[in-house]
């Protein structure tokens, strides 16, 4: 799996705190802070998946991630404020402070299968 993303940094925000938002959800990411945004990429979504399980929102995550599937890629938005607290909250991409935009470049279907609740 390969995930890439971008997170805006508003003029009133501390870039280090915005970086923390990204790393709380995707700690293995390689990041670059540009003027006004943080770009990141990772091949390890394990923390993201773990949070979804802890928050018991796997069904919702599967539904949202599958809805954007095109071939083997997909995209979704995460709330920055929730991410700052180490939580996942999916958004429509129109939050006031901006959202973390995540694109699953490859492995979108594999990600869905990793997240999907299994009958036990």
Protein backbone atom coordinates (compact mmCIF):
# COMPACT_ATOMS: atom_id res chain seq x y z
CA UNK A 1 0.00 0.00 0.00
CA UNK A 2 1.13 3.51 -0.74
CA UNK A 3 -0.60 6.48 0.86
CA UNK A 4 0.12 10.11 0.09
CA UNK A 5 -1.42 13.18 1.58
CA UNK A 6 -1.46 16.89 2.07
CA UNK A 7 -2.50 18.95 5.04
CA UNK A 8 -2.88 22.74 4.90
CA UNK A 9 -1.20 24.96 7.46
CA UNK A 10 -3.29 28.05 8.13
CA UNK A 11 -1.42 31.31 8.93
CA UNK A 12 -2.65 31.13 12.54
CA UNK A 13 -1.44 27.54 13.05
CA UNK A 14 1.86 26.29 14.40
CA UNK A 15 3.43 24.08 11.68
CA UNK A 16 4.80 21.70 14.34
CA UNK A 17 1.30 21.13 15.72
CA UNK A 18 -0.07 20.48 12.25
CA UNK A 19 2.80 18.04 11.67
CA UNK A 20 1.76 16.29 14.89
CA UNK A 21 -1.75 15.84 13.42
CA UNK A 22 -0.31 13.89 10.50
CA UNK A 23 2.17 11.87 12.54
CA UNK A 24 -0.43 10.91 15.16
CA UNK A 25 -2.31 9.00 12.46
CA UNK A 26 0.54 8.04 10.09
CA UNK A 27 3.67 7.97 12.30
CA UNK A 28 5.85 6.20 9.72
CA UNK A 29 5.32 8.97 7.16
CA UNK A 30 8.03 10.83 5.38
CA UNK A 31 7.01 14.48 5.55
CA UNK A 32 7.90 17.72 3.83
CA UNK A 33 6.77 21.08 5.16
CA UNK A 34 6.19 23.51 2.29
CA UNK A 35 4.83 27.02 2.35
CA UNK A 36 1.32 26.56 3.64
CA UNK A 37 1.12 22.75 3.73
CA UNK A 38 2.61 19.47 4.84
CA UNK A 39 2.97 16.70 2.27
CA UNK A 40 3.50 13.14 3.40
CA UNK A 41 3.72 9.59 2.12
CA UNK A 42 3.89 6.20 3.78
CA UNK A 43 3.53 2.53 3.02
CA UNK A 44 2.51 1.72 6.60
CA UNK A 45 -1.14 2.42 7.51
CA UNK A 46 -1.01 0.19 10.62
CA UNK A 47 -1.56 3.00 13.16
CA UNK A 48 -4.52 4.32 11.13
CA UNK A 49 -6.05 0.82 11.05
CA UNK A 50 -5.40 0.36 14.78
CA UNK A 51 -7.19 3.62 15.59
CA UNK A 52 -10.19 2.60 13.46
CA UNK A 53 -10.43 -0.65 15.42
CA UNK A 54 -10.09 1.11 18.80
CA UNK A 55 -12.76 3.65 17.90
CA UNK A 56 -14.98 0.88 16.53
CA UNK A 57 -15.59 2.72 13.25
CA UNK A 58 -14.32 0.11 10.81
CA UNK A 59 -17.70 -0.26 9.05
CA UNK A 60 -17.87 3.49 8.45
CA UNK A 61 -14.26 3.57 7.27
CA UNK A 62 -14.84 0.73 4.82
CA UNK A 63 -17.94 2.42 3.42
CA UNK A 64 -16.19 5.78 2.94
CA UNK A 65 -12.97 4.37 1.52
CA UNK A 66 -14.80 2.02 -0.86
CA UNK A 67 -17.00 4.87 -2.10
CA UNK A 68 -13.93 6.60 -3.54
CA UNK A 69 -12.33 3.54 -5.11
CA UNK A 70 -11.23 3.94 -8.72
CA UNK A 71 -9.28 0.89 -9.74
CA UNK A 72 -6.94 0.27 -6.82
CA UNK A 73 -6.73 3.86 -5.57
CA UNK A 74 -9.02 5.94 -3.42
CA UNK A 75 -9.06 9.08 -1.30
CA UNK A 76 -10.62 10.44 1.89
CA UNK A 77 -10.40 13.40 4.26
CA UNK A 78 -9.61 13.41 7.97
CA UNK A 79 -10.32 16.14 10.50
CA UNK A 80 -7.11 17.84 11.69
CA UNK A 81 -8.41 18.60 15.18
CA UNK A 82 -9.36 14.97 15.80
CA UNK A 83 -6.00 13.84 14.39
CA UNK A 84 -4.22 16.19 16.80
CA UNK A 85 -5.85 14.15 19.59
CA UNK A 86 -4.86 10.86 17.92
CA UNK A 87 -8.39 10.13 16.72
CA UNK A 88 -9.85 9.52 13.27
CA UNK A 89 -12.84 11.55 12.14
CA UNK A 90 -13.75 11.43 8.44
CA UNK A 91 -14.98 14.68 6.86
CA UNK A 92 -16.36 15.88 3.55
CA UNK A 93 -13.20 17.93 2.95
CA UNK A 94 -14.70 21.31 3.86
CA UNK A 95 -13.63 21.88 7.47
CA UNK A 96 -12.86 25.46 8.47
CA UNK A 97 -9.26 24.70 9.43
CA UNK A 98 -8.74 22.43 6.46
CA UNK A 99 -8.52 18.66 6.47
CA UNK A 100 -5.87 16.04 5.98
CA UNK A 101 -6.43 14.82 2.43
CA UNK A 102 -5.27 11.23 2.03
CA UNK A 103 -4.87 9.45 -1.30
CA UNK A 104 -4.27 5.72 -1.41
CA UNK A 105 -2.18 5.62 -4.58
CA UNK A 106 -2.01 1.84 -4.68
CA UNK A 107 -3.44 -0.87 -2.48
CA UNK A 108 -6.86 0.72 -1.88
CA UNK A 109 -8.62 -2.64 -2.04
CA UNK A 110 -6.02 -4.19 0.27
CA UNK A 111 -6.55 -1.35 2.74
CA UNK A 112 -10.30 -1.98 2.74
CA UNK A 113 -9.71 -5.68 3.44
CA UNK A 114 -7.33 -4.83 6.30
CA UNK A 115 -9.94 -2.57 7.86
CA UNK A 116 -13.05 -4.69 7.18
CA UNK A 117 -14.37 -6.32 10.38
CA UNK A 118 -14.00 -10.08 10.34
CA UNK A 119 -16.52 -12.51 11.73
CA UNK A 120 -15.02 -14.08 14.80
